[in-house]
C-alpha cells in the first residue's frame, strides 16, 4: 500500500533539477517520465544522452527516447538481457547522493504539506 505521490526528477549531471513532477504511485515510472519529457521536449536536444536506471528498460520507452526525442538512452544492463551498456556502479552512487540531498537536506521526505499545492510549493 502506498499513500501520496511519487516524485520524479530529471537533472543535469551536476545535480541541478531541470524537470520534476509528482505522479500517482500506481502509474509506472516509464509512463510518468515519458509524459514529463514529452511535455518538456524543448529541453531535450538532438543527440542528448539520458542516463536512467534499470527500471527504464523497455522497447516502447527506448523507442520514445530515440525516435521521438532523438536522444540516446543509457541504462545499466539487466541480468535477463544481452549486455549493451555495462554497469553504472559509480554513477548510481552519484545519483543516489542527489536524491539524498533533496530528501534529507531540503526536507522532501517529511515536507509537512497538507495539500497537493503545498507539496508542489515545497518541492519547487
PDB file of N, CA and C in Angstrom:
ATOM      1  N   UNK A   1       0.838  -1.187   0.000  1.00  0.00           N
ATOM      2  CA  UNK A   1       0.000   0.000   0.000  1.00  0.00           C
ATOM      3  C   UNK A   1       0.871   1.233   0.000  1.00  0.00           C
ATOM      4  N   UNK A   2       0.499   2.204  -0.803  1.00  0.00           N
ATOM      5  CA  UNK A   2       1.286   3.432  -0.935  1.00  0.00           C
ATOM      6  C   UNK A   2       0.324   4.601  -0.926  1.00  0.00           C
ATOM      7  N   UNK A   3       0.562   5.555  -0.049  1.00  0.00           N
ATOM      8  CA  UNK A   3      -0.273   6.738   0.017  1.00  0.00           C
ATOM      9  C   UNK A   3       0.537   7.950  -0.415  1.00  0.00           C
ATOM     10  N   UNK A   4      -0.056   8.809  -1.204  1.00  0.00           N
ATOM     11  CA  UNK A   4       0.615  10.040  -1.581  1.00  0.00           C
ATOM     12  C   UNK A   4       0.995  10.096  -3.038  1.00  0.00           C
ATOM     13  N   UNK A   5       2.152  10.696  -3.289  1.00  0.00           N
ATOM     14  CA  UNK A   5       2.644  10.897  -4.641  1.00  0.00           C
ATOM     15  C   UNK A   5       4.067  10.382  -4.755  1.00  0.00           C
ATOM     16  N   UNK A   6       4.454  10.104  -5.959  1.00  0.00           N
ATOM     17  CA  UNK A   6       5.833   9.720  -6.227  1.00  0.00           C
ATOM     18  C   UNK A   6       6.489  10.901  -6.951  1.00  0.00           C
ATOM     19  N   UNK A   7       7.666  11.281  -6.487  1.00  0.00           N
ATOM     20  CA  UNK A   7       8.392  12.392  -7.084  1.00  0.00           C
ATOM     21  C   UNK A   7       9.346  11.861  -8.140  1.00  0.00           C
ATOM     22  N   UNK A   8       9.278  12.444  -9.325  1.00  0.00           N
ATOM     23  CA  UNK A   8      10.179  12.100 -10.418  1.00  0.00           C
ATOM     24  C   UNK A   8      11.036  13.318 -10.715  1.00  0.00           C
ATOM     25  N   UNK A   9      12.308  13.070 -11.008  1.00  0.00           N
ATOM     26  CA  UNK A   9      13.250  14.151 -11.194  1.00  0.00           C
ATOM     27  C   UNK A   9      14.151  13.867 -12.384  1.00  0.00           C
ATOM     28  N   UNK A  10      14.365  14.880 -13.191  1.00  0.00           N
ATOM     29  CA  UNK A  10      15.352  14.837 -14.266  1.00  0.00           C
ATOM     30  C   UNK A  10      16.307  15.984 -13.971  1.00  0.00           C
ATOM     31  N   UNK A  11      17.594  15.658 -13.888  1.00  0.00           N
ATOM     32  CA  UNK A  11      18.562  16.681 -13.519  1.00  0.00           C
ATOM     33  C   UNK A  11      19.752  16.678 -14.473  1.00  0.00           C
ATOM     34  N   UNK A  12      20.553  17.718 -14.370  1.00  0.00           N
ATOM     35  CA  UNK A  12      21.795  17.807 -15.121  1.00  0.00           C
ATOM     36  C   UNK A  12      22.826  16.905 -14.444  1.00  0.00           C
ATOM     37  N   UNK A  13      23.951  16.632 -15.088  1.00  0.00           N
ATOM     38  CA  UNK A  13      24.969  15.774 -14.475  1.00  0.00           C
ATOM     39  C   UNK A  13      25.493  16.263 -13.120  1.00  0.00           C
ATOM     40  N   UNK A  14      25.424  17.575 -12.870  1.00  0.00           N
ATOM     41  CA  UNK A  14      25.901  18.071 -11.578  1.00  0.00           C
ATOM     42  C   UNK A  14      24.810  18.114 -10.514  1.00  0.00           C
ATOM     43  N   UNK A  15      23.614  17.610 -10.830  1.00  0.00           N
ATOM     44  CA  UNK A  15      22.550  17.503  -9.846  1.00  0.00           C
ATOM     45  C   UNK A  15      21.533  18.621  -9.850  1.00  0.00           C
ATOM     46  N   UNK A  16      21.628  19.553 -10.777  1.00  0.00           N
ATOM     47  CA  UNK A  16      20.662  20.641 -10.847  1.00  0.00           C
ATOM     48  C   UNK A  16      19.350  20.132 -11.442  1.00  0.00           C
ATOM     49  N   UNK A  17      18.259  20.187 -10.679  1.00  0.00           N
ATOM     50  CA  UNK A  17      16.972  19.726 -11.219  1.00  0.00           C
ATOM     51  C   UNK A  17      16.535  20.561 -12.420  1.00  0.00           C
ATOM     52  N   UNK A  18      16.102  19.869 -13.475  1.00  0.00           N
ATOM     53  CA  UNK A  18      15.645  20.534 -14.690  1.00  0.00           C
ATOM     54  C   UNK A  18      14.142  20.355 -14.851  1.00  0.00           C
ATOM     55  N   UNK A  19      13.676  19.146 -14.647  1.00  0.00           N
ATOM     56  CA  UNK A  19      12.255  18.822 -14.764  1.00  0.00           C
ATOM     57  C   UNK A  19      11.884  17.974 -13.549  1.00  0.00           C
ATOM     58  N   UNK A  20      10.774  18.282 -12.938  1.00  0.00           N
ATOM     59  CA  UNK A  20      10.299  17.427 -11.856  1.00  0.00           C
ATOM     60  C   UNK A  20       8.791  17.310 -11.970  1.00  0.00           C
ATOM     61  N   UNK A  21       8.276  16.251 -11.394  1.00  0.00           N
ATOM     62  CA  UNK A  21       6.840  16.046 -11.426  1.00  0.00           C
ATOM     63  C   UNK A  21       6.388  15.125 -10.322  1.00  0.00           C
ATOM     64  N   UNK A  22       5.153  15.283  -9.917  1.00  0.00           N
ATOM     65  CA  UNK A  22       4.517  14.400  -8.950  1.00  0.00           C
ATOM     66  C   UNK A  22       3.500  13.561  -9.697  1.00  0.00           C
ATOM     67  N   UNK A  23       3.471  12.275  -9.405  1.00  0.00           N
ATOM     68  CA  UNK A  23       2.542  11.389 -10.105  1.00  0.00           C
ATOM     69  C   UNK A  23       1.919  10.409  -9.125  1.00  0.00           C
ATOM     70  N   UNK A  24       0.788   9.901  -9.513  1.00  0.00           N
ATOM     71  CA  UNK A  24       0.129   8.847  -8.760  1.00  0.00           C
ATOM     72  C   UNK A  24       1.089   7.660  -8.684  1.00  0.00           C
ATOM     73  N   UNK A  25       1.275   7.074  -7.513  1.00  0.00           N
ATOM     74  CA  UNK A  25       2.228   5.962  -7.396  1.00  0.00           C
ATOM     75  C   UNK A  25       1.819   4.716  -8.176  1.00  0.00           C
ATOM     76  N   UNK A  26       0.577   4.652  -8.625  1.00  0.00           N
ATOM     77  CA  UNK A  26       0.124   3.495  -9.403  1.00  0.00           C
ATOM     78  C   UNK A  26       0.558   3.595 -10.865  1.00  0.00           C
ATOM     79  N   UNK A  27       0.961   4.776 -11.292  1.00  0.00           N
ATOM     80  CA  UNK A  27       1.437   4.964 -12.663  1.00  0.00           C
ATOM     81  C   UNK A  27       2.872   4.455 -12.743  1.00  0.00           C
ATOM     82  N   UNK A  28       3.203   3.750 -13.780  1.00  0.00           N
ATOM     83  CA  UNK A  28       4.558   3.245 -13.961  1.00  0.00           C
ATOM     84  C   UNK A  28       5.548   4.376 -14.178  1.00  0.00           C
ATOM     85  N   UNK A  29       6.795   4.146 -13.749  1.00  0.00           N
ATOM     86  CA  UNK A  29       7.789   5.207 -13.859  1.00  0.00           C
ATOM     87  C   UNK A  29       8.121   5.550 -15.304  1.00  0.00           C
ATOM     88  N   UNK A  30       8.085   4.574 -16.198  1.00  0.00           N
ATOM     89  CA  UNK A  30       8.347   4.880 -17.609  1.00  0.00           C
ATOM     90  C   UNK A  30       7.279   5.803 -18.176  1.00  0.00           C
ATOM     91  N   UNK A  31       6.023   5.536 -17.826  1.00  0.00           N
ATOM     92  CA  UNK A  31       4.928   6.373 -18.313  1.00  0.00           C
ATOM     93  C   UNK A  31       5.016   7.787 -17.745  1.00  0.00           C
ATOM     94  N   UNK A  32       5.349   7.895 -16.468  1.00  0.00           N
ATOM     95  CA  UNK A  32       5.446   9.215 -15.836  1.00  0.00           C
ATOM     96  C   UNK A  32       6.579  10.034 -16.453  1.00  0.00           C
ATOM     97  N   UNK A  33       7.750   9.422 -16.597  1.00  0.00           N
ATOM     98  CA  UNK A  33       8.890  10.136 -17.167  1.00  0.00           C
ATOM     99  C   UNK A  33       8.651  10.468 -18.643  1.00  0.00           C
ATOM    100  N   UNK A  34       8.032   9.550 -19.388  1.00  0.00           N
ATOM    101  CA  UNK A  34       7.736   9.825 -20.802  1.00  0.00           C
ATOM    102  C   UNK A  34       6.805  11.030 -20.919  1.00  0.00           C
ATOM    103  N   UNK A  35       5.806  11.114 -20.052  1.00  0.00           N
ATOM    104  CA  UNK A  35       4.892  12.262 -20.084  1.00  0.00           C
ATOM    105  C   UNK A  35       5.623  13.551 -19.739  1.00  0.00           C
ATOM    106  N   UNK A  36       6.526  13.495 -18.754  1.00  0.00           N
ATOM    107  CA  UNK A  36       7.297  14.684 -18.384  1.00  0.00           C
ATOM    108  C   UNK A  36       8.213  15.127 -19.522  1.00  0.00           C
ATOM    109  N   UNK A  37       8.896  14.168 -20.139  1.00  0.00           N
ATOM    110  CA  UNK A  37       9.796  14.502 -21.241  1.00  0.00           C
ATOM    111  C   UNK A  37       9.032  15.000 -22.459  1.00  0.00           C
ATOM    112  N   UNK A  38       7.875  14.409 -22.720  1.00  0.00           N
ATOM    113  CA  UNK A  38       7.067  14.830 -23.857  1.00  0.00           C
ATOM    114  C   UNK A  38       6.587  16.264 -23.669  1.00  0.00           C
ATOM    115  N   UNK A  39       6.160  16.589 -22.458  1.00  0.00           N
ATOM    116  CA  UNK A  39       5.680  17.943 -22.176  1.00  0.00           C
ATOM    117  C   UNK A  39       6.818  18.964 -22.184  1.00  0.00           C
ATOM    118  N   UNK A  40       8.038  18.491 -21.965  1.00  0.00           N
ATOM    119  CA  UNK A  40       9.205  19.383 -21.912  1.00  0.00           C
ATOM    120  C   UNK A  40      10.201  19.058 -23.014  1.00  0.00           C
ATOM    121  N   UNK A  41       9.713  18.571 -24.137  1.00  0.00           N
ATOM    122  CA  UNK A  41      10.607  18.099 -25.200  1.00  0.00           C
ATOM    123  C   UNK A  41      11.530  19.193 -25.729  1.00  0.00           C
ATOM    124  N   UNK A  42      11.179  20.456 -25.536  1.00  0.00           N
ATOM    125  CA  UNK A  42      12.059  21.533 -25.989  1.00  0.00           C
ATOM    126  C   UNK A  42      13.329  21.631 -25.137  1.00  0.00           C
ATOM    127  N   UNK A  43      13.364  20.962 -23.990  1.00  0.00           N
ATOM    128  CA  UNK A  43      14.558  20.955 -23.141  1.00  0.00           C
ATOM    129  C   UNK A  43      15.534  19.841 -23.518  1.00  0.00           C
ATOM    130  N   UNK A  44      15.096  18.916 -24.370  1.00  0.00           N
ATOM    131  CA  UNK A  44      15.940  17.801 -24.791  1.00  0.00           C
ATOM    132  C   UNK A  44      16.455  18.084 -26.197  1.00  0.00           C
ATOM    133  N   UNK A  45      17.770  18.135 -26.328  1.00  0.00           N
ATOM    134  CA  UNK A  45      18.395  18.418 -27.631  1.00  0.00           C
ATOM    135  C   UNK A  45      18.649  17.127 -28.401  1.00  0.00           C
ATOM    136  N   UNK A  46      18.662  17.217 -29.717  1.00  0.00           N
ATOM    137  CA  UNK A  46      19.009  16.059 -30.539  1.00  0.00           C
ATOM    138  C   UNK A  46      20.376  15.541 -30.118  1.00  0.00           C
ATOM    139  N   UNK A  47      20.477  14.230 -29.948  1.00  0.00           N
ATOM    140  CA  UNK A  47      21.741  13.608 -29.588  1.00  0.00           C
ATOM    141  C   UNK A  47      22.075  13.640 -28.109  1.00  0.00           C
ATOM    142  N   UNK A  48      21.223  14.259 -27.304  1.00  0.00           N
ATOM    143  CA  UNK A  48      21.483  14.345 -25.862  1.00  0.00           C
ATOM    144  C   UNK A  48      21.441  12.956 -25.242  1.00  0.00           C
ATOM    145  N   UNK A  49      22.260  12.730 -24.242  1.00  0.00           N
ATOM    146  CA  UNK A  49      22.302  11.451 -23.540  1.00  0.00           C
ATOM    147  C   UNK A  49      21.415  11.533 -22.308  1.00  0.00           C
ATOM    148  N   UNK A  50      20.530  10.565 -22.168  1.00  0.00           N
ATOM    149  CA  UNK A  50      19.682  10.461 -20.992  1.00  0.00           C
ATOM    150  C   UNK A  50      20.102   9.204 -20.245  1.00  0.00           C
ATOM    151  N   UNK A  51      20.546   9.380 -19.020  1.00  0.00           N
ATOM    152  CA  UNK A  51      21.005   8.290 -18.179  1.00  0.00           C
ATOM    153  C   UNK A  51      19.867   7.888 -17.251  1.00  0.00           C
ATOM    154  N   UNK A  52      19.546   6.608 -17.229  1.00  0.00           N
ATOM    155  CA  UNK A  52      18.431   6.123 -16.418  1.00  0.00           C
ATOM    156  C   UNK A  52      18.839   4.845 -15.689  1.00  0.00           C
ATOM    157  N   UNK A  53      17.977   4.377 -14.804  1.00  0.00           N
ATOM    158  CA  UNK A  53      18.278   3.122 -14.120  1.00  0.00           C
ATOM    159  C   UNK A  53      17.593   1.953 -14.828  1.00  0.00           C
ATOM    160  N   UNK A  54      17.761   0.756 -14.291  1.00  0.00           N
ATOM    161  CA  UNK A  54      17.250  -0.459 -14.933  1.00  0.00           C
ATOM    162  C   UNK A  54      15.745  -0.447 -15.128  1.00  0.00           C
ATOM    163  N   UNK A  55      15.039   0.282 -14.286  1.00  0.00           N
ATOM    164  CA  UNK A  55      13.584   0.329 -14.380  1.00  0.00           C
ATOM    165  C   UNK A  55      13.072   0.929 -15.680  1.00  0.00           C
ATOM    166  N   UNK A  56      13.938   1.575 -16.416  1.00  0.00           N
ATOM    167  CA  UNK A  56      13.523   2.207 -17.667  1.00  0.00           C
ATOM    168  C   UNK A  56      13.819   1.345 -18.882  1.00  0.00           C
ATOM    169  N   UNK A  57      14.019   0.058 -18.656  1.00  0.00           N
ATOM    170  CA  UNK A  57      14.185  -0.884 -19.761  1.00  0.00           C
ATOM    171  C   UNK A  57      12.826  -1.111 -20.409  1.00  0.00           C
ATOM    172  N   UNK A  58      12.820  -1.223 -21.704  1.00  0.00           N
ATOM    173  CA  UNK A  58      11.586  -1.488 -22.432  1.00  0.00           C
ATOM    174  C   UNK A  58      11.664  -0.922 -23.827  1.00  0.00           C
ATOM    175  N   UNK A  59      11.199  -1.694 -24.796  1.00  0.00           N
ATOM    176  CA  UNK A  59      11.289  -1.288 -26.195  1.00  0.00           C
ATOM    177  C   UNK A  59      10.489  -0.017 -26.473  1.00  0.00           C
ATOM    178  N   UNK A  60       9.300   0.081 -25.900  1.00  0.00           N
ATOM    179  CA  UNK A  60       8.453   1.239 -26.165  1.00  0.00           C
ATOM    180  C   UNK A  60       9.087   2.520 -25.610  1.00  0.00           C
ATOM    181  N   UNK A  61       9.628   2.455 -24.387  1.00  0.00           N
ATOM    182  CA  UNK A  61      10.261   3.639 -23.792  1.00  0.00           C
ATOM    183  C   UNK A  61      11.525   4.017 -24.556  1.00  0.00           C
ATOM    184  N   UNK A  62      12.317   3.019 -24.912  1.00  0.00           N
ATOM    185  CA  UNK A  62      13.555   3.289 -25.656  1.00  0.00           C
ATOM    186  C   UNK A  62      13.237   3.887 -27.030  1.00  0.00           C
ATOM    187  N   UNK A  63      12.178   3.406 -27.676  1.00  0.00           N
ATOM    188  CA  UNK A  63      11.773   3.972 -28.965  1.00  0.00           C
ATOM    189  C   UNK A  63      11.328   5.422 -28.800  1.00  0.00           C
ATOM    190  N   UNK A  64      10.627   5.715 -27.723  1.00  0.00           N
ATOM    191  CA  UNK A  64      10.205   7.095 -27.457  1.00  0.00           C
ATOM    192  C   UNK A  64      11.428   8.010 -27.336  1.00  0.00           C
ATOM    193  N   UNK A  65      12.443   7.569 -26.591  1.00  0.00           N
ATOM    194  CA  UNK A  65      13.636   8.386 -26.393  1.00  0.00           C
ATOM    195  C   UNK A  65      14.406   8.555 -27.700  1.00  0.00           C
ATOM    196  N   UNK A  66      14.633   7.453 -28.408  1.00  0.00           N
ATOM    197  CA  UNK A  66      15.480   7.524 -29.607  1.00  0.00           C
ATOM    198  C   UNK A  66      14.757   8.094 -30.827  1.00  0.00           C
ATOM    199  N   UNK A  67      13.506   7.735 -31.034  1.00  0.00           N
ATOM    200  CA  UNK A  67      12.794   8.159 -32.243  1.00  0.00           C
ATOM    201  C   UNK A  67      12.058   9.486 -32.066  1.00  0.00           C
ATOM    202  N   UNK A  68      11.347   9.630 -30.967  1.00  0.00           N
ATOM    203  CA  UNK A  68      10.570  10.857 -30.763  1.00  0.00           C
ATOM    204  C   UNK A  68      11.433  12.026 -30.295  1.00  0.00           C
ATOM    205  N   UNK A  69      12.291  11.772 -29.293  1.00  0.00           N
ATOM    206  CA  UNK A  69      13.120  12.843 -28.742  1.00  0.00           C
ATOM    207  C   UNK A  69      14.469  12.984 -29.438  1.00  0.00           C
ATOM    208  N   UNK A  70      14.841  11.985 -30.246  1.00  0.00           N
ATOM    209  CA  UNK A  70      16.139  11.973 -30.949  1.00  0.00           C
ATOM    210  C   UNK A  70      17.313  12.042 -29.965  1.00  0.00           C
ATOM    211  N   UNK A  71      17.148  11.399 -28.815  1.00  0.00           N
ATOM    212  CA  UNK A  71      18.196  11.367 -27.787  1.00  0.00           C
ATOM    213  C   UNK A  71      18.720   9.938 -27.657  1.00  0.00           C
ATOM    214  N   UNK A  72      19.689   9.750 -26.776  1.00  0.00           N
ATOM    215  CA  UNK A  72      20.275   8.435 -26.533  1.00  0.00           C
ATOM    216  C   UNK A  72      19.992   8.026 -25.100  1.00  0.00           C
ATOM    217  N   UNK A  73      19.445   6.837 -24.919  1.00  0.00           N
ATOM    218  CA  UNK A  73      19.163   6.317 -23.584  1.00  0.00           C
ATOM    219  C   UNK A  73      20.283   5.376 -23.162  1.00  0.00           C
ATOM    220  N   UNK A  74      20.878   5.644 -22.017  1.00  0.00           N
ATOM    221  CA  UNK A  74      21.871   4.759 -21.419  1.00  0.00           C
ATOM    222  C   UNK A  74      21.341   4.304 -20.069  1.00  0.00           C
ATOM    223  N   UNK A  75      21.421   3.022 -19.819  1.00  0.00           N
ATOM    224  CA  UNK A  75      20.975   2.455 -18.549  1.00  0.00           C
ATOM    225  C   UNK A  75      21.768   1.194 -18.273  1.00  0.00           C
ATOM    226  N   UNK A  76      21.863   0.799 -17.012  1.00  0.00           N
ATOM    227  CA  UNK A  76      22.581  -0.441 -16.702  1.00  0.00           C
ATOM    228  C   UNK A  76      21.890  -1.640 -17.359  1.00  0.00           C
ATOM    229  N   UNK A  77      22.686  -2.636 -17.703  1.00  0.00           N
ATOM    230  CA  UNK A  77      22.129  -3.862 -18.276  1.00  0.00           C
ATOM    231  C   UNK A  77      21.344  -4.628 -17.227  1.00  0.00           C
ATOM    232  N   UNK A  78      20.272  -5.249 -17.671  1.00  0.00           N
ATOM    233  CA  UNK A  78      19.528  -6.166 -16.803  1.00  0.00           C
ATOM    234  C   UNK A  78      20.131  -7.548 -16.950  1.00  0.00           C
ATOM    235  N   UNK A  79      19.927  -8.374 -15.931  1.00  0.00           N
ATOM    236  CA  UNK A  79      20.504  -9.728 -15.944  1.00  0.00           C
ATOM    237  C   UNK A  79      19.911 -10.600 -17.034  1.00  0.00           C
ATOM    238  N   UNK A  80      18.661 -10.321 -17.432  1.00  0.00           N
ATOM    239  CA  UNK A  80      17.981 -11.175 -18.394  1.00  0.00           C
ATOM    240  C   UNK A  80      18.119 -10.702 -19.846  1.00  0.00           C
ATOM    241  N   UNK A  81      19.078  -9.817 -20.122  1.00  0.00           N
ATOM    242  CA  UNK A  81      19.255  -9.344 -21.492  1.00  0.00           C
ATOM    243  C   UNK A  81      20.728  -9.380 -21.894  1.00  0.00           C
ATOM    244  N   UNK A  82      20.949  -9.329 -23.173  1.00  0.00           N
ATOM    245  CA  UNK A  82      22.303  -9.310 -23.726  1.00  0.00           C
ATOM    246  C   UNK A  82      23.004  -8.013 -23.301  1.00  0.00           C
ATOM    247  N   UNK A  83      24.267  -8.085 -22.875  1.00  0.00           N
ATOM    248  CA  UNK A  83      24.981  -6.871 -22.448  1.00  0.00           C
ATOM    249  C   UNK A  83      25.050  -5.821 -23.556  1.00  0.00           C
ATOM    250  N   UNK A  84      24.694  -4.582 -23.207  1.00  0.00           N
ATOM    251  CA  UNK A  84      24.734  -3.461 -24.152  1.00  0.00           C
ATOM    252  C   UNK A  84      25.406  -2.233 -23.556  1.00  0.00           C
ATOM    253  N   UNK A  85      25.086  -1.914 -22.325  1.00  0.00           N
ATOM    254  CA  UNK A  85      25.531  -0.660 -21.733  1.00  0.00           C
ATOM    255  C   UNK A  85      26.573  -0.825 -20.632  1.00  0.00           C
ATOM    256  N   UNK A  86      26.614  -1.959 -19.983  1.00  0.00           N
ATOM    257  CA  UNK A  86      27.547  -2.175 -18.883  1.00  0.00           C
ATOM    258  C   UNK A  86      26.927  -1.838 -17.534  1.00  0.00           C
ATOM    259  N   UNK A  87      27.808  -1.670 -16.549  1.00  0.00           N
ATOM    260  CA  UNK A  87      27.386  -1.400 -15.183  1.00  0.00           C
ATOM    261  C   UNK A  87      27.680   0.067 -14.851  1.00  0.00           C
ATOM    262  N   UNK A  88      26.770   0.714 -14.193  1.00  0.00           N
ATOM    263  CA  UNK A  88      26.932   2.126 -13.841  1.00  0.00           C
ATOM    264  C   UNK A  88      27.109   2.308 -12.345  1.00  0.00           C
ATOM    265  N   UNK A  89      27.860   1.416 -11.695  1.00  0.00           N
ATOM    266  CA  UNK A  89      28.002   1.424 -10.243  1.00  0.00           C
ATOM    267  C   UNK A  89      28.373   2.770  -9.656  1.00  0.00           C
ATOM    268  N   UNK A  90      29.429   3.399 -10.157  1.00  0.00           N
ATOM    269  CA  UNK A  90      29.860   4.690  -9.628  1.00  0.00           C
ATOM    270  C   UNK A  90      28.857   5.794  -9.878  1.00  0.00           C
ATOM    271  N   UNK A  91      28.234   5.752 -11.029  1.00  0.00           N
ATOM    272  CA  UNK A  91      27.242   6.774 -11.362  1.00  0.00           C
ATOM    273  C   UNK A  91      26.009   6.610 -10.481  1.00  0.00           C
ATOM    274  N   UNK A  92      25.666   5.387 -10.168  1.00  0.00           N
ATOM    275  CA  UNK A  92      24.490   5.140  -9.335  1.00  0.00           C
ATOM    276  C   UNK A  92      24.662   5.778  -7.953  1.00  0.00           C
ATOM    277  N   UNK A  93      25.857   5.698  -7.382  1.00  0.00           N
ATOM    278  CA  UNK A  93      26.114   6.342  -6.084  1.00  0.00           C
ATOM    279  C   UNK A  93      25.939   7.856  -6.194  1.00  0.00           C
ATOM    280  N   UNK A  94      26.389   8.410  -7.285  1.00  0.00           N
ATOM    281  CA  UNK A  94      26.266   9.839  -7.516  1.00  0.00           C
ATOM    282  C   UNK A  94      24.791  10.242  -7.612  1.00  0.00           C
ATOM    283  N   UNK A  95      23.990   9.461  -8.345  1.00  0.00           N
ATOM    284  CA  UNK A  95      22.555   9.734  -8.480  1.00  0.00           C
ATOM    285  C   UNK A  95      21.878   9.645  -7.122  1.00  0.00           C
ATOM    286  N   UNK A  96      22.201   8.608  -6.360  1.00  0.00           N
ATOM    287  CA  UNK A  96      21.596   8.448  -5.039  1.00  0.00           C
ATOM    288  C   UNK A  96      21.969   9.601  -4.111  1.00  0.00           C
ATOM    289  N   UNK A  97      23.167  10.159  -4.256  1.00  0.00           N
ATOM    290  CA  UNK A  97      23.551  11.287  -3.408  1.00  0.00           C
ATOM    291  C   UNK A  97      22.724  12.523  -3.734  1.00  0.00           C
ATOM    292  N   UNK A  98      22.360  12.691  -5.010  1.00  0.00           N
ATOM    293  CA  UNK A  98      21.486  13.808  -5.389  1.00  0.00           C
ATOM    294  C   UNK A  98      20.123  13.639  -4.733  1.00  0.00           C
ATOM    295  N   UNK A  99      19.559  12.439  -4.808  1.00  0.00           N
ATOM    296  CA  UNK A  99      18.268  12.190  -4.169  1.00  0.00           C
ATOM    297  C   UNK A  99      18.349  12.370  -2.658  1.00  0.00           C
ATOM    298  N   UNK A 100      19.434  11.904  -2.044  1.00  0.00           N
ATOM    299  CA  UNK A 100      19.597  12.032  -0.606  1.00  0.00           C
ATOM    300  C   UNK A 100      19.647  13.504  -0.200  1.00  0.00           C
ATOM    301  N   UNK A 101      20.323  14.318  -0.992  1.00  0.00           N
ATOM    302  CA  UNK A 101      20.379  15.748  -0.709  1.00  0.00           C
ATOM    303  C   UNK A 101      18.988  16.362  -0.767  1.00  0.00           C
ATOM    304  N   UNK A 102      18.250  16.043  -1.805  1.00  0.00           N
ATOM    305  CA  UNK A 102      16.911  16.612  -1.948  1.00  0.00           C
ATOM    306  C   UNK A 102      15.973  16.153  -0.844  1.00  0.00           C
ATOM    307  N   UNK A 103      16.021  14.875  -0.513  1.00  0.00           N
ATOM    308  CA  UNK A 103      15.124  14.345   0.506  1.00  0.00           C
ATOM    309  C   UNK A 103      15.548  14.768   1.908  1.00  0.00           C
ATOM    310  N   UNK A 104      16.840  14.704   2.192  1.00  0.00           N
ATOM    311  CA  UNK A 104      17.320  14.977   3.541  1.00  0.00           C
ATOM    312  C   UNK A 104      17.495  16.452   3.840  1.00  0.00           C
ATOM    313  N   UNK A 105      18.390  17.100   3.149  1.00  0.00           N
ATOM    314  CA  UNK A 105      18.709  18.490   3.446  1.00  0.00           C
ATOM    315  C   UNK A 105      17.570  19.450   3.126  1.00  0.00           C
ATOM    316  N   UNK A 106      16.805  19.153   2.093  1.00  0.00           N
ATOM    317  CA  UNK A 106      15.706  20.046   1.727  1.00  0.00           C
ATOM    318  C   UNK A 106      14.373  19.623   2.339  1.00  0.00           C
ATOM    319  N   UNK A 107      14.361  18.538   3.087  1.00  0.00           N
ATOM    320  CA  UNK A 107      13.165  18.132   3.821  1.00  0.00           C
ATOM    321  C   UNK A 107      12.036  17.587   2.974  1.00  0.00           C
ATOM    322  N   UNK A 108      12.327  16.992   1.832  1.00  0.00           N
ATOM    323  CA  UNK A 108      11.248  16.490   0.979  1.00  0.00           C
ATOM    324  C   UNK A 108      10.643  15.188   1.492  1.00  0.00           C
ATOM    325  N   UNK A 109      11.380  14.464   2.323  1.00  0.00           N
ATOM    326  CA  UNK A 109      10.834  13.219   2.875  1.00  0.00           C
ATOM    327  C   UNK A 109       9.705  13.512   3.865  1.00  0.00           C
ATOM    328  N   UNK A 110       9.863  14.578   4.644  1.00  0.00           N
ATOM    329  CA  UNK A 110       8.863  14.980   5.637  1.00  0.00           C
ATOM    330  C   UNK A 110       8.528  16.450   5.401  1.00  0.00           C
ATOM    331  N   UNK A 111       7.838  16.700   4.323  1.00  0.00           N
ATOM    332  CA  UNK A 111       7.574  18.066   3.885  1.00  0.00           C
ATOM    333  C   UNK A 111       6.526  18.781   4.712  1.00  0.00           C
ATOM    334  N   UNK A 112       5.587  18.059   5.319  1.00  0.00           N
ATOM    335  CA  UNK A 112       4.572  18.669   6.172  1.00  0.00           C
ATOM    336  C   UNK A 112       3.425  19.326   5.429  1.00  0.00           C
ATOM    337  N   UNK A 113       3.392  19.249   4.130  1.00  0.00           N
ATOM    338  CA  UNK A 113       2.306  19.874   3.365  1.00  0.00           C
ATOM    339  C   UNK A 113       1.019  19.063   3.536  1.00  0.00           C
ATOM    340  N   UNK A 114      -0.108  19.755   3.474  1.00  0.00           N
ATOM    341  CA  UNK A 114      -1.401  19.087   3.647  1.00  0.00           C
ATOM    342  C   UNK A 114      -2.234  19.068   2.373  1.00  0.00           C
ATOM    343  N   UNK A 115      -1.774  19.735   1.344  1.00  0.00           N
ATOM    344  CA  UNK A 115      -2.487  19.770   0.070  1.00  0.00           C
ATOM    345  C   UNK A 115      -1.503  19.506  -1.068  1.00  0.00           C
ATOM    346  N   UNK A 116      -2.032  19.170  -2.215  1.00  0.00           N
ATOM    347  CA  UNK A 116      -1.195  18.979  -3.397  1.00  0.00           C
ATOM    348  C   UNK A 116      -0.430  20.265  -3.716  1.00  0.00           C
ATOM    349  N   UNK A 117      -1.086  21.391  -3.620  1.00  0.00           N
ATOM    350  CA  UNK A 117      -0.426  22.658  -3.889  1.00  0.00           C
ATOM    351  C   UNK A 117       0.729  22.888  -2.901  1.00  0.00           C
ATOM    352  N   UNK A 118       0.517  22.498  -1.644  1.00  0.00           N
ATOM    353  CA  UNK A 118       1.564  22.635  -0.641  1.00  0.00           C
ATOM    354  C   UNK A 118       2.764  21.753  -0.938  1.00  0.00           C
ATOM    355  N   UNK A 119       2.509  20.536  -1.382  1.00  0.00           N
ATOM    356  CA  UNK A 119       3.604  19.633  -1.753  1.00  0.00           C
ATOM    357  C   UNK A 119       4.373  20.217  -2.933  1.00  0.00           C
ATOM    358  N   UNK A 120       3.646  20.697  -3.938  1.00  0.00           N
ATOM    359  CA  UNK A 120       4.310  21.258  -5.116  1.00  0.00           C
ATOM    360  C   UNK A 120       5.129  22.488  -4.752  1.00  0.00           C
ATOM    361  N   UNK A 121       4.620  23.320  -3.856  1.00  0.00           N
ATOM    362  CA  UNK A 121       5.377  24.502  -3.430  1.00  0.00           C
ATOM    363  C   UNK A 121       6.640  24.092  -2.690  1.00  0.00           C
ATOM    364  N   UNK A 122       6.541  23.069  -1.857  1.00  0.00           N
ATOM    365  CA  UNK A 122       7.709  22.618  -1.094  1.00  0.00           C
ATOM    366  C   UNK A 122       8.764  22.010  -2.029  1.00  0.00           C
ATOM    367  N   UNK A 123       8.348  21.234  -2.994  1.00  0.00           N
ATOM    368  CA  UNK A 123       9.287  20.650  -3.939  1.00  0.00           C
ATOM    369  C   UNK A 123       9.962  21.742  -4.754  1.00  0.00           C
ATOM    370  N   UNK A 124       9.164  22.685  -5.247  1.00  0.00           N
ATOM    371  CA  UNK A 124       9.725  23.776  -6.050  1.00  0.00           C
ATOM    372  C   UNK A 124      10.689  24.604  -5.235  1.00  0.00           C
TER     373      UNK A 124
END
